[in-house]
Amino acid sequence: MKFKIFSLLLASGLILAACGNDDSDDKKDNKGAEKTEQKTQDDNKDDMDDSNNDKDSNDDQTSDDQNANKSTTNTVKWNDVKVFPEEAVKEAQNEAKGELKDLSFEKEAGDWSYKVELIDGSNENKVLINADDKSVANVENETEDDDDNDQTFKLSDVAKFEDVLKVAQDKAKGDLKEWSLSEDDGKLVYSIDLKEGNKDTTEFKIDAKSKEILEQEQD
């Protein structure tokens, strides 16, 4: 009888031990599955972070490229300009009478152009000349006020623009954004704006006869 009871107890212990092992194995399997799932989630998160970082980097690069392209379209290399200042003034004086009061070069309505201001008595004529083909883009006529400065000059009286531009570009890198030639405080002055890429514009005021730099600043 005692032997039977002992046998039953032994069998019960073995069964309980087996069940315990199964539970332990199930827990290990569950923990392993949880770790695998967590690792997968972490990997997916890392992939999403990498993807977002790549997107941000691409967006930054696109923005830089767009700014660079914009900057390039707003400047020009002087060697690429087809019409010289002397030709623009001559073409303007063929279109309207007057002596030269002011000459400027800038981008106007998408085209690089010369704006030539001529004085004819009390009349002021403004002629816009295309810098690619010398065509007359626009002509404006108005009566000048008596208190306006009507000092006129000839281009032969001042240094050539390309020589003055070289003085500026020896001090600051950059392509041409705009320039003008006019009277300032009793003397003829070239105002020149240079810009390199996305950097600030460097502005010069240079004596039109001596080529001395009067002012230089960044904007």
N, C-alpha and C. Protein backbone atom coordinates (compact mmCIF):
# COMPACT_ATOMS: atom_id res chain seq x y z
N MET A 1 0.84 -1.20 0.00
CA MET A 1 0.00 0.00 0.00
C MET A 1 0.89 1.26 0.00
N LYS A 2 1.88 1.24 0.92
CA LYS A 2 2.79 2.37 0.98
C LYS A 2 3.53 2.55 -0.34
N PHE A 3 3.86 1.45 -0.96
CA PHE A 3 4.58 1.52 -2.23
C PHE A 3 3.73 2.19 -3.30
N LYS A 4 2.40 1.87 -3.30
CA LYS A 4 1.49 2.47 -4.30
C LYS A 4 1.38 3.97 -4.08
N ILE A 5 1.23 4.34 -2.78
CA ILE A 5 1.11 5.77 -2.48
C ILE A 5 2.39 6.51 -2.91
N PHE A 6 3.52 5.91 -2.61
CA PHE A 6 4.80 6.52 -2.99
C PHE A 6 4.92 6.68 -4.50
N SER A 7 4.44 5.65 -5.22
CA SER A 7 4.48 5.67 -6.69
C SER A 7 3.61 6.78 -7.22
N LEU A 8 2.41 6.94 -6.61
CA LEU A 8 1.50 8.00 -7.06
C LEU A 8 2.10 9.39 -6.82
N LEU A 9 2.72 9.54 -5.64
CA LEU A 9 3.33 10.84 -5.32
C LEU A 9 4.48 11.15 -6.28
N LEU A 10 5.26 10.12 -6.59
CA LEU A 10 6.37 10.31 -7.52
C LEU A 10 5.88 10.70 -8.90
N ALA A 11 4.83 10.03 -9.35
CA ALA A 11 4.26 10.33 -10.67
C ALA A 11 3.72 11.75 -10.71
N SER A 12 3.04 12.14 -9.62
CA SER A 12 2.48 13.50 -9.56
C SER A 12 3.59 14.54 -9.61
N GLY A 13 4.71 14.26 -8.90
CA GLY A 13 5.84 15.21 -8.90
C GLY A 13 6.43 15.37 -10.28
N LEU A 14 6.55 14.23 -10.98
CA LEU A 14 7.09 14.29 -12.33
C LEU A 14 6.20 15.12 -13.25
N ILE A 15 4.87 14.92 -13.10
CA ILE A 15 3.92 15.65 -13.95
C ILE A 15 4.01 17.15 -13.68
N LEU A 16 4.07 17.51 -12.38
CA LEU A 16 4.16 18.92 -12.02
C LEU A 16 5.46 19.54 -12.52
N ALA A 17 6.53 18.77 -12.42
CA ALA A 17 7.82 19.28 -12.91
C ALA A 17 7.78 19.53 -14.41
N ALA A 18 7.14 18.57 -15.11
CA ALA A 18 7.02 18.72 -16.57
C ALA A 18 6.22 19.96 -16.92
N CYS A 19 5.12 20.16 -16.17
CA CYS A 19 4.28 21.34 -16.42
C CYS A 19 5.07 22.62 -16.14
N GLY A 20 5.86 22.56 -15.04
CA GLY A 20 6.68 23.73 -14.71
C GLY A 20 7.67 24.05 -15.80
N ASN A 21 8.29 23.00 -16.35
CA ASN A 21 9.24 23.21 -17.44
C ASN A 21 8.57 23.79 -18.66
N ASP A 22 7.33 23.26 -18.94
CA ASP A 22 6.60 23.78 -20.11
C ASP A 22 6.29 25.26 -19.92
N ASP A 23 5.86 25.62 -18.68
CA ASP A 23 5.55 27.03 -18.42
C ASP A 23 6.79 27.90 -18.58
N SER A 24 7.91 27.35 -18.07
CA SER A 24 9.16 28.11 -18.18
C SER A 24 9.55 28.30 -19.64
N ASP A 25 9.40 27.20 -20.42
CA ASP A 25 9.73 27.30 -21.86
C ASP A 25 8.82 28.31 -22.54
N ASP A 26 7.50 28.27 -22.16
CA ASP A 26 6.56 29.21 -22.78
C ASP A 26 6.94 30.65 -22.45
N LYS A 27 7.36 30.87 -21.18
CA LYS A 27 7.76 32.22 -20.79
C LYS A 27 8.99 32.67 -21.57
N LYS A 28 9.96 31.72 -21.70
CA LYS A 28 11.17 32.06 -22.47
C LYS A 28 10.81 32.41 -23.91
N ASP A 29 9.88 31.56 -24.47
CA ASP A 29 9.48 31.82 -25.86
C ASP A 29 8.79 33.17 -25.96
N ASN A 30 7.91 33.47 -24.98
CA ASN A 30 7.19 34.74 -25.00
C ASN A 30 8.16 35.91 -24.87
N LYS A 31 9.14 35.75 -23.94
CA LYS A 31 10.13 36.82 -23.78
C LYS A 31 10.95 37.00 -25.06
N GLY A 32 11.30 35.87 -25.68
CA GLY A 32 12.06 35.95 -26.93
C GLY A 32 11.27 36.66 -28.01
N ALA A 33 9.98 36.32 -28.09
CA ALA A 33 9.11 36.96 -29.09
C ALA A 33 8.98 38.44 -28.82
N GLU A 34 8.83 38.78 -27.51
CA GLU A 34 8.71 40.19 -27.17
C GLU A 34 9.98 40.95 -27.54
N LYS A 35 11.16 40.32 -27.25
CA LYS A 35 12.42 40.97 -27.60
C LYS A 35 12.54 41.15 -29.11
N THR A 36 12.14 40.12 -29.87
CA THR A 36 12.21 40.20 -31.33
C THR A 36 11.30 41.30 -31.84
N GLU A 37 10.08 41.38 -31.27
CA GLU A 37 9.13 42.40 -31.70
C GLU A 37 9.65 43.79 -31.37
N GLN A 38 10.22 43.93 -30.14
CA GLN A 38 10.74 45.23 -29.73
C GLN A 38 11.91 45.65 -30.63
N LYS A 39 12.78 44.67 -30.97
CA LYS A 39 13.91 44.97 -31.85
C LYS A 39 13.42 45.42 -33.22
N THR A 40 12.38 44.72 -33.71
CA THR A 40 11.81 45.08 -35.01
C THR A 40 11.27 46.51 -34.98
N GLN A 41 10.56 46.85 -33.86
CA GLN A 41 10.01 48.19 -33.73
C GLN A 41 11.14 49.22 -33.66
N ASP A 42 12.20 48.90 -32.90
CA ASP A 42 13.34 49.82 -32.81
C ASP A 42 14.00 50.01 -34.16
N ASP A 43 14.15 48.87 -34.91
CA ASP A 43 14.76 48.97 -36.24
C ASP A 43 13.91 49.83 -37.16
N ASN A 44 12.57 49.63 -37.08
CA ASN A 44 11.67 50.42 -37.92
C ASN A 44 11.76 51.90 -37.56
N LYS A 45 11.85 52.19 -36.24
CA LYS A 45 11.97 53.58 -35.80
C LYS A 45 13.27 54.19 -36.31
N ASP A 46 14.36 53.41 -36.22
CA ASP A 46 15.64 53.90 -36.72
C ASP A 46 15.57 54.19 -38.21
N ASP A 47 14.90 53.27 -38.96
CA ASP A 47 14.75 53.47 -40.40
C ASP A 47 13.97 54.74 -40.69
N MET A 48 12.88 54.96 -39.89
CA MET A 48 12.07 56.17 -40.09
C MET A 48 12.88 57.41 -39.77
N ASP A 49 13.69 57.35 -38.69
CA ASP A 49 14.52 58.51 -38.33
C ASP A 49 15.53 58.80 -39.43
N ASP A 50 16.16 57.72 -39.96
CA ASP A 50 17.13 57.90 -41.05
C ASP A 50 16.46 58.50 -42.27
N SER A 51 15.23 58.00 -42.55
CA SER A 51 14.50 58.50 -43.71
C SER A 51 14.17 59.98 -43.54
N ASN A 52 13.73 60.36 -42.31
CA ASN A 52 13.41 61.76 -42.06
C ASN A 52 14.65 62.64 -42.14
N ASN A 53 15.78 62.11 -41.61
CA ASN A 53 17.03 62.87 -41.69
C ASN A 53 17.46 63.07 -43.13
N ASP A 54 17.30 61.99 -43.95
CA ASP A 54 17.64 62.10 -45.37
C ASP A 54 16.76 63.13 -46.05
N LYS A 55 15.46 63.13 -45.69
CA LYS A 55 14.52 64.08 -46.29
C LYS A 55 14.89 65.50 -45.90
N ASP A 56 15.21 65.72 -44.60
CA ASP A 56 15.60 67.05 -44.16
C ASP A 56 16.86 67.50 -44.88
N SER A 57 17.82 66.57 -45.04
CA SER A 57 19.07 66.91 -45.72
C SER A 57 18.80 67.27 -47.18
N ASN A 58 17.91 66.48 -47.83
CA ASN A 58 17.57 66.77 -49.22
C ASN A 58 16.86 68.11 -49.35
N ASP A 59 15.94 68.40 -48.37
CA ASP A 59 15.23 69.67 -48.39
C ASP A 59 16.20 70.83 -48.24
N ASP A 60 17.18 70.68 -47.31
CA ASP A 60 18.18 71.73 -47.11
C ASP A 60 19.00 71.94 -48.37
N GLN A 61 19.40 70.82 -49.01
CA GLN A 61 20.20 70.92 -50.23
C GLN A 61 19.41 71.59 -51.34
N THR A 62 18.10 71.23 -51.46
CA THR A 62 17.25 71.83 -52.48
C THR A 62 17.12 73.33 -52.24
N SER A 63 16.94 73.71 -50.97
CA SER A 63 16.81 75.13 -50.63
C SER A 63 18.09 75.88 -50.98
N ASP A 64 19.24 75.28 -50.66
CA ASP A 64 20.53 75.91 -50.98
C ASP A 64 20.70 76.06 -52.49
N ASP A 65 20.31 75.00 -53.24
CA ASP A 65 20.43 75.06 -54.70
C ASP A 65 19.53 76.15 -55.27
N GLN A 66 18.30 76.25 -54.72
CA GLN A 66 17.38 77.27 -55.22
C GLN A 66 17.92 78.66 -54.93
N ASN A 67 18.48 78.87 -53.72
CA ASN A 67 19.05 80.17 -53.39
C ASN A 67 20.24 80.50 -54.28
N ALA A 68 21.05 79.47 -54.53
CA ALA A 68 22.22 79.69 -55.40
C ALA A 68 21.78 80.05 -56.81
N ASN A 69 20.75 79.34 -57.32
CA ASN A 69 20.25 79.63 -58.67
C ASN A 69 19.66 81.03 -58.74
N LYS A 70 18.95 81.40 -57.67
CA LYS A 70 18.36 82.73 -57.63
C LYS A 70 19.44 83.79 -57.63
N SER A 71 20.47 83.54 -56.84
CA SER A 71 21.58 84.49 -56.79
C SER A 71 22.26 84.62 -58.14
N THR A 72 22.46 83.49 -58.83
CA THR A 72 23.11 83.50 -60.13
C THR A 72 22.31 84.28 -61.16
N THR A 73 20.98 84.16 -61.12
CA THR A 73 20.14 84.87 -62.09
C THR A 73 20.11 86.37 -61.82
N ASN A 74 20.49 86.79 -60.63
CA ASN A 74 20.48 88.21 -60.28
C ASN A 74 21.85 88.87 -60.42
N THR A 75 22.82 88.13 -60.92
CA THR A 75 24.14 88.69 -61.18
C THR A 75 24.58 88.29 -62.58
N VAL A 76 25.61 88.95 -63.06
CA VAL A 76 26.11 88.66 -64.40
C VAL A 76 27.62 88.88 -64.43
N LYS A 77 28.31 88.07 -65.21
CA LYS A 77 29.73 88.29 -65.45
C LYS A 77 29.87 89.36 -66.53
N TRP A 78 30.71 90.34 -66.27
CA TRP A 78 30.82 91.46 -67.21
C TRP A 78 31.23 91.00 -68.60
N ASN A 79 32.02 89.96 -68.68
CA ASN A 79 32.44 89.46 -70.00
C ASN A 79 31.27 88.91 -70.81
N ASP A 80 30.17 88.59 -70.13
CA ASP A 80 29.00 88.05 -70.83
C ASP A 80 28.08 89.16 -71.36
N VAL A 81 28.34 90.40 -70.96
CA VAL A 81 27.52 91.52 -71.43
C VAL A 81 27.95 91.89 -72.85
N LYS A 82 27.00 91.92 -73.77
CA LYS A 82 27.34 92.09 -75.18
C LYS A 82 27.46 93.55 -75.62
N VAL A 83 26.75 94.43 -74.93
CA VAL A 83 26.73 95.85 -75.33
C VAL A 83 27.56 96.67 -74.35
N PHE A 84 28.51 97.46 -74.86
CA PHE A 84 29.35 98.31 -74.01
C PHE A 84 28.60 99.59 -73.63
N PRO A 85 28.99 100.23 -72.54
CA PRO A 85 28.32 101.47 -72.12
C PRO A 85 28.32 102.54 -73.21
N GLU A 86 29.45 102.70 -73.91
CA GLU A 86 29.54 103.71 -74.97
C GLU A 86 28.50 103.46 -76.07
N GLU A 87 28.27 102.19 -76.38
CA GLU A 87 27.29 101.84 -77.41
C GLU A 87 25.87 102.14 -76.94
N ALA A 88 25.61 101.87 -75.66
CA ALA A 88 24.28 102.12 -75.11
C ALA A 88 23.96 103.62 -75.12
N VAL A 89 24.94 104.44 -74.72
CA VAL A 89 24.72 105.89 -74.70
C VAL A 89 24.50 106.41 -76.12
N LYS A 90 25.28 105.94 -77.05
CA LYS A 90 25.13 106.37 -78.45
C LYS A 90 23.75 106.00 -78.98
N GLU A 91 23.29 104.79 -78.66
CA GLU A 91 21.98 104.35 -79.14
C GLU A 91 20.88 105.19 -78.50
N ALA A 92 21.04 105.54 -77.22
CA ALA A 92 20.04 106.36 -76.53
C ALA A 92 19.98 107.76 -77.14
N GLN A 93 21.15 108.32 -77.46
CA GLN A 93 21.18 109.67 -78.05
C GLN A 93 20.68 109.67 -79.49
N ASN A 94 20.64 108.52 -80.12
CA ASN A 94 20.01 108.44 -81.44
C ASN A 94 18.48 108.43 -81.30
N GLU A 95 18.03 107.98 -80.14
CA GLU A 95 16.59 107.88 -79.88
C GLU A 95 16.02 109.17 -79.30
N ALA A 96 16.79 109.84 -78.46
CA ALA A 96 16.33 111.07 -77.81
C ALA A 96 17.50 112.05 -77.69
N LYS A 97 17.20 113.33 -77.74
CA LYS A 97 18.23 114.36 -77.65
C LYS A 97 18.69 114.54 -76.21
N GLY A 98 19.91 115.08 -76.08
CA GLY A 98 20.36 115.43 -74.74
C GLY A 98 21.78 114.99 -74.43
N GLU A 99 22.33 115.61 -73.38
CA GLU A 99 23.65 115.26 -72.87
C GLU A 99 23.48 114.28 -71.70
N LEU A 100 24.50 113.45 -71.49
CA LEU A 100 24.43 112.41 -70.48
C LEU A 100 24.45 112.99 -69.06
N LYS A 101 23.44 112.62 -68.29
CA LYS A 101 23.36 113.03 -66.89
C LYS A 101 23.61 111.86 -65.94
N ASP A 102 23.13 110.69 -66.32
CA ASP A 102 23.21 109.53 -65.44
C ASP A 102 23.17 108.26 -66.29
N LEU A 103 23.98 107.29 -65.89
CA LEU A 103 24.01 106.01 -66.60
C LEU A 103 24.00 104.88 -65.57
N SER A 104 23.11 103.94 -65.76
CA SER A 104 23.06 102.80 -64.82
C SER A 104 22.85 101.50 -65.59
N PHE A 105 23.23 100.41 -64.93
CA PHE A 105 23.12 99.08 -65.53
C PHE A 105 22.52 98.16 -64.47
N GLU A 106 21.42 97.50 -64.82
CA GLU A 106 20.75 96.61 -63.88
C GLU A 106 19.78 95.70 -64.62
N LYS A 107 19.21 94.78 -63.88
CA LYS A 107 18.22 93.88 -64.48
C LYS A 107 16.86 94.55 -64.40
N GLU A 108 16.25 94.74 -65.56
CA GLU A 108 14.97 95.44 -65.66
C GLU A 108 13.98 94.56 -66.42
N ALA A 109 12.90 94.16 -65.74
CA ALA A 109 11.87 93.32 -66.36
C ALA A 109 12.46 92.03 -66.93
N GLY A 110 13.43 91.46 -66.20
CA GLY A 110 14.02 90.18 -66.60
C GLY A 110 15.19 90.27 -67.56
N ASP A 111 15.50 91.49 -68.05
CA ASP A 111 16.59 91.66 -69.00
C ASP A 111 17.64 92.62 -68.43
N TRP A 112 18.91 92.31 -68.70
CA TRP A 112 19.97 93.23 -68.32
C TRP A 112 19.91 94.43 -69.26
N SER A 113 19.87 95.62 -68.65
CA SER A 113 19.62 96.83 -69.44
C SER A 113 20.42 98.01 -68.93
N TYR A 114 20.64 98.96 -69.84
CA TYR A 114 21.21 100.25 -69.48
C TYR A 114 20.07 101.27 -69.39
N LYS A 115 20.09 102.05 -68.33
CA LYS A 115 19.16 103.17 -68.24
C LYS A 115 19.97 104.45 -68.44
N VAL A 116 19.69 105.14 -69.54
CA VAL A 116 20.45 106.33 -69.91
C VAL A 116 19.58 107.56 -69.71
N GLU A 117 20.04 108.48 -68.86
CA GLU A 117 19.29 109.71 -68.60
C GLU A 117 19.99 110.87 -69.32
N LEU A 118 19.23 111.56 -70.16
CA LEU A 118 19.76 112.65 -70.97
C LEU A 118 19.06 113.95 -70.64
N ILE A 119 19.81 115.05 -70.63
CA ILE A 119 19.25 116.37 -70.37
C ILE A 119 19.27 117.19 -71.67
N ASP A 120 18.10 117.70 -72.04
CA ASP A 120 17.97 118.55 -73.23
C ASP A 120 17.22 119.82 -72.80
N GLY A 121 17.99 120.84 -72.41
CA GLY A 121 17.35 122.05 -71.88
C GLY A 121 16.64 121.73 -70.57
N SER A 122 15.33 121.97 -70.56
CA SER A 122 14.54 121.67 -69.36
C SER A 122 13.88 120.29 -69.44
N ASN A 123 14.19 119.57 -70.48
CA ASN A 123 13.61 118.24 -70.66
C ASN A 123 14.59 117.14 -70.23
N GLU A 124 14.05 116.12 -69.60
CA GLU A 124 14.87 114.97 -69.20
C GLU A 124 14.32 113.74 -69.90
N ASN A 125 15.16 113.07 -70.64
CA ASN A 125 14.77 111.87 -71.38
C ASN A 125 15.45 110.64 -70.78
N LYS A 126 14.66 109.64 -70.47
CA LYS A 126 15.19 108.39 -69.92
C LYS A 126 14.97 107.28 -70.94
N VAL A 127 16.07 106.70 -71.39
CA VAL A 127 16.01 105.68 -72.44
C VAL A 127 16.55 104.37 -71.89
N LEU A 128 15.78 103.30 -72.07
CA LEU A 128 16.17 101.97 -71.60
C LEU A 128 16.68 101.16 -72.79
N ILE A 129 17.95 100.75 -72.70
CA ILE A 129 18.60 100.02 -73.79
C ILE A 129 18.90 98.59 -73.35
N ASN A 130 18.46 97.62 -74.15
CA ASN A 130 18.74 96.21 -73.86
C ASN A 130 20.24 95.94 -74.00
N ALA A 131 20.83 95.31 -72.99
CA ALA A 131 22.28 95.10 -72.98
C ALA A 131 22.71 93.91 -73.83
N ASP A 132 21.77 93.20 -74.44
CA ASP A 132 22.11 92.07 -75.31
C ASP A 132 22.13 92.46 -76.79
N ASP A 133 21.18 93.31 -77.19
CA ASP A 133 21.07 93.59 -78.63
C ASP A 133 20.93 95.08 -78.97
N LYS A 134 21.09 95.97 -77.99
CA LYS A 134 21.01 97.43 -78.18
C LYS A 134 19.61 97.92 -78.56
N SER A 135 18.62 97.08 -78.44
CA SER A 135 17.26 97.53 -78.77
C SER A 135 16.75 98.50 -77.71
N VAL A 136 15.90 99.43 -78.14
CA VAL A 136 15.31 100.41 -77.23
C VAL A 136 14.08 99.78 -76.59
N ALA A 137 14.15 99.57 -75.28
CA ALA A 137 13.05 98.91 -74.57
C ALA A 137 11.99 99.90 -74.11
N ASN A 138 12.40 101.14 -73.82
CA ASN A 138 11.43 102.12 -73.31
C ASN A 138 12.04 103.52 -73.37
N VAL A 139 11.16 104.52 -73.56
CA VAL A 139 11.59 105.93 -73.54
C VAL A 139 10.60 106.72 -72.69
N GLU A 140 11.13 107.51 -71.77
CA GLU A 140 10.30 108.38 -70.94
C GLU A 140 10.79 109.81 -71.06
N ASN A 141 9.83 110.74 -71.13
CA ASN A 141 10.17 112.16 -71.23
C ASN A 141 9.47 112.91 -70.11
N GLU A 142 10.20 113.80 -69.46
CA GLU A 142 9.59 114.63 -68.41
C GLU A 142 10.33 115.96 -68.33
N THR A 143 9.63 116.92 -67.75
CA THR A 143 10.22 118.25 -67.57
C THR A 143 10.97 118.29 -66.25
N GLU A 144 12.21 118.78 -66.30
CA GLU A 144 13.06 118.80 -65.12
C GLU A 144 12.75 120.02 -64.27
N ASP A 145 12.72 119.83 -62.94
CA ASP A 145 12.52 120.95 -62.02
C ASP A 145 13.75 121.85 -62.02
N ASP A 146 13.53 123.13 -61.72
CA ASP A 146 14.64 124.09 -61.74
C ASP A 146 15.71 123.77 -60.70
N ASP A 147 15.28 123.16 -59.57
CA ASP A 147 16.24 122.88 -58.50
C ASP A 147 16.95 121.53 -58.66
N ASP A 148 16.63 120.80 -59.73
CA ASP A 148 17.30 119.52 -59.97
C ASP A 148 18.74 119.74 -60.44
N ASN A 149 19.59 118.81 -60.08
CA ASN A 149 20.98 118.87 -60.53
C ASN A 149 21.03 118.47 -62.00
N ASP A 150 21.52 119.37 -62.86
CA ASP A 150 21.52 119.10 -64.29
C ASP A 150 22.94 118.99 -64.84
N GLN A 151 23.90 118.61 -63.98
CA GLN A 151 25.28 118.45 -64.44
C GLN A 151 25.34 117.29 -65.42
N THR A 152 25.96 117.54 -66.55
CA THR A 152 26.12 116.50 -67.56
C THR A 152 27.61 116.21 -67.77
N PHE A 153 27.87 115.12 -68.44
CA PHE A 153 29.27 114.72 -68.66
C PHE A 153 29.35 113.83 -69.89
N LYS A 154 30.56 113.55 -70.31
CA LYS A 154 30.81 112.62 -71.40
C LYS A 154 31.55 111.40 -70.86
N LEU A 155 31.30 110.24 -71.42
CA LEU A 155 31.99 109.04 -70.96
C LEU A 155 33.49 109.13 -71.18
N SER A 156 33.88 109.95 -72.17
CA SER A 156 35.32 110.12 -72.43
C SER A 156 36.01 110.90 -71.31
N ASP A 157 35.20 111.53 -70.42
CA ASP A 157 35.77 112.30 -69.32
C ASP A 157 36.12 111.43 -68.10
N VAL A 158 35.69 110.18 -68.12
CA VAL A 158 35.89 109.33 -66.94
C VAL A 158 36.60 108.03 -67.33
N ALA A 159 37.05 107.30 -66.31
CA ALA A 159 37.70 106.01 -66.56
C ALA A 159 36.68 105.01 -67.10
N LYS A 160 37.15 104.11 -67.93
CA LYS A 160 36.26 103.09 -68.48
C LYS A 160 35.73 102.20 -67.35
N PHE A 161 34.49 101.77 -67.53
CA PHE A 161 33.86 100.99 -66.46
C PHE A 161 34.63 99.70 -66.17
N GLU A 162 35.09 99.01 -67.20
CA GLU A 162 35.77 97.73 -66.98
C GLU A 162 37.04 97.90 -66.13
N ASP A 163 37.70 99.07 -66.26
CA ASP A 163 38.89 99.33 -65.44
C ASP A 163 38.51 99.58 -63.98
N VAL A 164 37.41 100.28 -63.78
CA VAL A 164 36.93 100.55 -62.42
C VAL A 164 36.41 99.27 -61.77
N LEU A 165 35.76 98.43 -62.56
CA LEU A 165 35.26 97.15 -62.05
C LEU A 165 36.41 96.28 -61.56
N LYS A 166 37.52 96.31 -62.27
CA LYS A 166 38.70 95.53 -61.86
C LYS A 166 39.20 95.99 -60.49
N VAL A 167 39.16 97.30 -60.24
CA VAL A 167 39.58 97.83 -58.94
C VAL A 167 38.70 97.24 -57.83
N ALA A 168 37.39 97.19 -58.09
CA ALA A 168 36.45 96.65 -57.09
C ALA A 168 36.66 95.16 -56.88
N GLN A 169 36.83 94.42 -57.97
CA GLN A 169 36.97 92.97 -57.86
C GLN A 169 38.32 92.55 -57.31
N ASP A 170 39.29 93.47 -57.29
CA ASP A 170 40.55 93.19 -56.60
C ASP A 170 40.37 93.22 -55.09
N LYS A 171 39.31 93.89 -54.63
CA LYS A 171 39.04 94.02 -53.20
C LYS A 171 37.99 93.03 -52.71
N ALA A 172 37.10 92.62 -53.58
CA ALA A 172 36.01 91.71 -53.18
C ALA A 172 35.63 90.82 -54.34
N LYS A 173 35.47 89.52 -54.06
CA LYS A 173 35.04 88.60 -55.10
C LYS A 173 33.55 88.79 -55.38
N GLY A 174 33.15 88.39 -56.58
CA GLY A 174 31.73 88.45 -56.90
C GLY A 174 31.47 88.90 -58.31
N ASP A 175 30.28 88.54 -58.78
CA ASP A 175 29.83 88.98 -60.10
C ASP A 175 29.02 90.26 -59.93
N LEU A 176 28.71 90.86 -61.06
CA LEU A 176 28.06 92.18 -61.05
C LEU A 176 26.56 92.05 -60.79
N LYS A 177 26.09 92.83 -59.83
CA LYS A 177 24.66 92.89 -59.53
C LYS A 177 24.04 94.12 -60.19
N GLU A 178 24.73 95.25 -60.09
CA GLU A 178 24.31 96.48 -60.76
C GLU A 178 25.42 97.53 -60.62
N TRP A 179 25.34 98.56 -61.47
CA TRP A 179 26.27 99.67 -61.33
C TRP A 179 25.65 100.93 -61.90
N SER A 180 26.21 102.05 -61.49
CA SER A 180 25.72 103.33 -62.01
C SER A 180 26.85 104.34 -62.03
N LEU A 181 26.67 105.37 -62.84
CA LEU A 181 27.64 106.46 -62.95
C LEU A 181 26.86 107.76 -62.90
N SER A 182 27.16 108.58 -61.89
CA SER A 182 26.43 109.84 -61.74
C SER A 182 27.23 110.80 -60.86
N GLU A 183 26.74 112.04 -60.78
CA GLU A 183 27.38 113.05 -59.93
C GLU A 183 26.99 112.82 -58.47
N ASP A 184 27.97 112.90 -57.57
CA ASP A 184 27.73 112.72 -56.14
C ASP A 184 28.64 113.66 -55.37
N ASP A 185 28.02 114.65 -54.70
CA ASP A 185 28.79 115.64 -53.93
C ASP A 185 29.85 116.34 -54.79
N GLY A 186 29.44 116.71 -55.98
CA GLY A 186 30.31 117.51 -56.83
C GLY A 186 31.31 116.73 -57.65
N LYS A 187 31.33 115.40 -57.53
CA LYS A 187 32.26 114.60 -58.35
C LYS A 187 31.52 113.43 -58.98
N LEU A 188 32.07 112.96 -60.09
CA LEU A 188 31.48 111.81 -60.77
C LEU A 188 31.93 110.53 -60.08
N VAL A 189 30.96 109.68 -59.78
CA VAL A 189 31.23 108.48 -58.98
C VAL A 189 30.58 107.26 -59.63
N TYR A 190 31.35 106.18 -59.67
CA TYR A 190 30.80 104.87 -60.03
C TYR A 190 30.30 104.20 -58.75
N SER A 191 29.08 103.72 -58.76
CA SER A 191 28.55 102.88 -57.68
C SER A 191 28.43 101.47 -58.22
N ILE A 192 29.09 100.52 -57.57
CA ILE A 192 29.17 99.15 -58.07
C ILE A 192 28.76 98.17 -56.96
N ASP A 193 27.85 97.26 -57.29
CA ASP A 193 27.44 96.21 -56.35
C ASP A 193 27.91 94.85 -56.86
N LEU A 194 28.68 94.15 -56.03
CA LEU A 194 29.16 92.81 -56.37
C LEU A 194 28.56 91.80 -55.40
N LYS A 195 28.28 90.62 -55.92
CA LYS A 195 27.71 89.56 -55.07
C LYS A 195 28.30 88.21 -55.48
N GLU A 196 28.76 87.46 -54.46
CA GLU A 196 29.31 86.12 -54.69
C GLU A 196 28.40 85.08 -54.05
N GLY A 197 27.73 84.26 -54.88
CA GLY A 197 26.85 83.22 -54.38
C GLY A 197 25.78 83.78 -53.46
N ASN A 198 25.65 83.15 -52.26
CA ASN A 198 24.64 83.59 -51.30
C ASN A 198 25.21 84.55 -50.25
N LYS A 199 26.41 85.02 -50.47
CA LYS A 199 27.03 85.94 -49.52
C LYS A 199 26.43 87.35 -49.66
N ASP A 200 26.76 88.20 -48.68
CA ASP A 200 26.25 89.57 -48.71
C ASP A 200 26.81 90.32 -49.91
N THR A 201 26.04 91.32 -50.34
CA THR A 201 26.47 92.19 -51.43
C THR A 201 27.54 93.16 -50.93
N THR A 202 28.59 93.34 -51.72
CA THR A 202 29.62 94.34 -51.41
C THR A 202 29.39 95.55 -52.29
N GLU A 203 29.21 96.70 -51.66
CA GLU A 203 28.91 97.93 -52.39
C GLU A 203 30.14 98.85 -52.40
N PHE A 204 30.43 99.38 -53.57
CA PHE A 204 31.58 100.29 -53.74
C PHE A 204 31.12 101.63 -54.29
N LYS A 205 31.80 102.67 -53.84
CA LYS A 205 31.73 103.97 -54.50
C LYS A 205 33.16 104.32 -54.87
N ILE A 206 33.36 104.55 -56.18
CA ILE A 206 34.72 104.75 -56.69
C ILE A 206 34.76 106.02 -57.54
N ASP A 207 35.76 106.84 -57.28
CA ASP A 207 35.93 108.07 -58.06
C ASP A 207 36.06 107.70 -59.54
N ALA A 208 35.22 108.32 -60.36
CA ALA A 208 35.15 107.94 -61.77
C ALA A 208 36.36 108.40 -62.58
N LYS A 209 37.15 109.29 -62.03
CA LYS A 209 38.33 109.76 -62.76
C LYS A 209 39.62 109.15 -62.21
N SER A 210 39.79 109.18 -60.91
CA SER A 210 41.03 108.68 -60.31
C SER A 210 40.98 107.18 -59.99
N LYS A 211 39.80 106.60 -60.00
CA LYS A 211 39.56 105.20 -59.65
C LYS A 211 39.87 104.90 -58.18
N GLU A 212 39.85 105.94 -57.36
CA GLU A 212 40.06 105.76 -55.92
C GLU A 212 38.78 105.24 -55.27
N ILE A 213 38.92 104.25 -54.39
CA ILE A 213 37.76 103.73 -53.67
C ILE A 213 37.37 104.73 -52.58
N LEU A 214 36.17 105.25 -52.67
CA LEU A 214 35.69 106.24 -51.70
C LEU A 214 34.95 105.56 -50.55
N GLU A 215 34.21 104.50 -50.88
CA GLU A 215 33.48 103.75 -49.86
C GLU A 215 33.43 102.27 -50.24
N GLN A 216 33.42 101.43 -49.22
CA GLN A 216 33.24 99.98 -49.42
C GLN A 216 32.51 99.44 -48.22
N GLU A 217 31.37 98.78 -48.45
CA GLU A 217 30.62 98.20 -47.35
C GLU A 217 29.84 96.99 -47.83
N GLN A 218 29.47 96.14 -46.85
CA GLN A 218 28.66 94.97 -47.16
C GLN A 218 27.24 95.19 -46.70
N ASP A 219 26.31 94.70 -47.51
CA ASP A 219 24.89 94.86 -47.20
C ASP A 219 24.24 93.49 -47.12
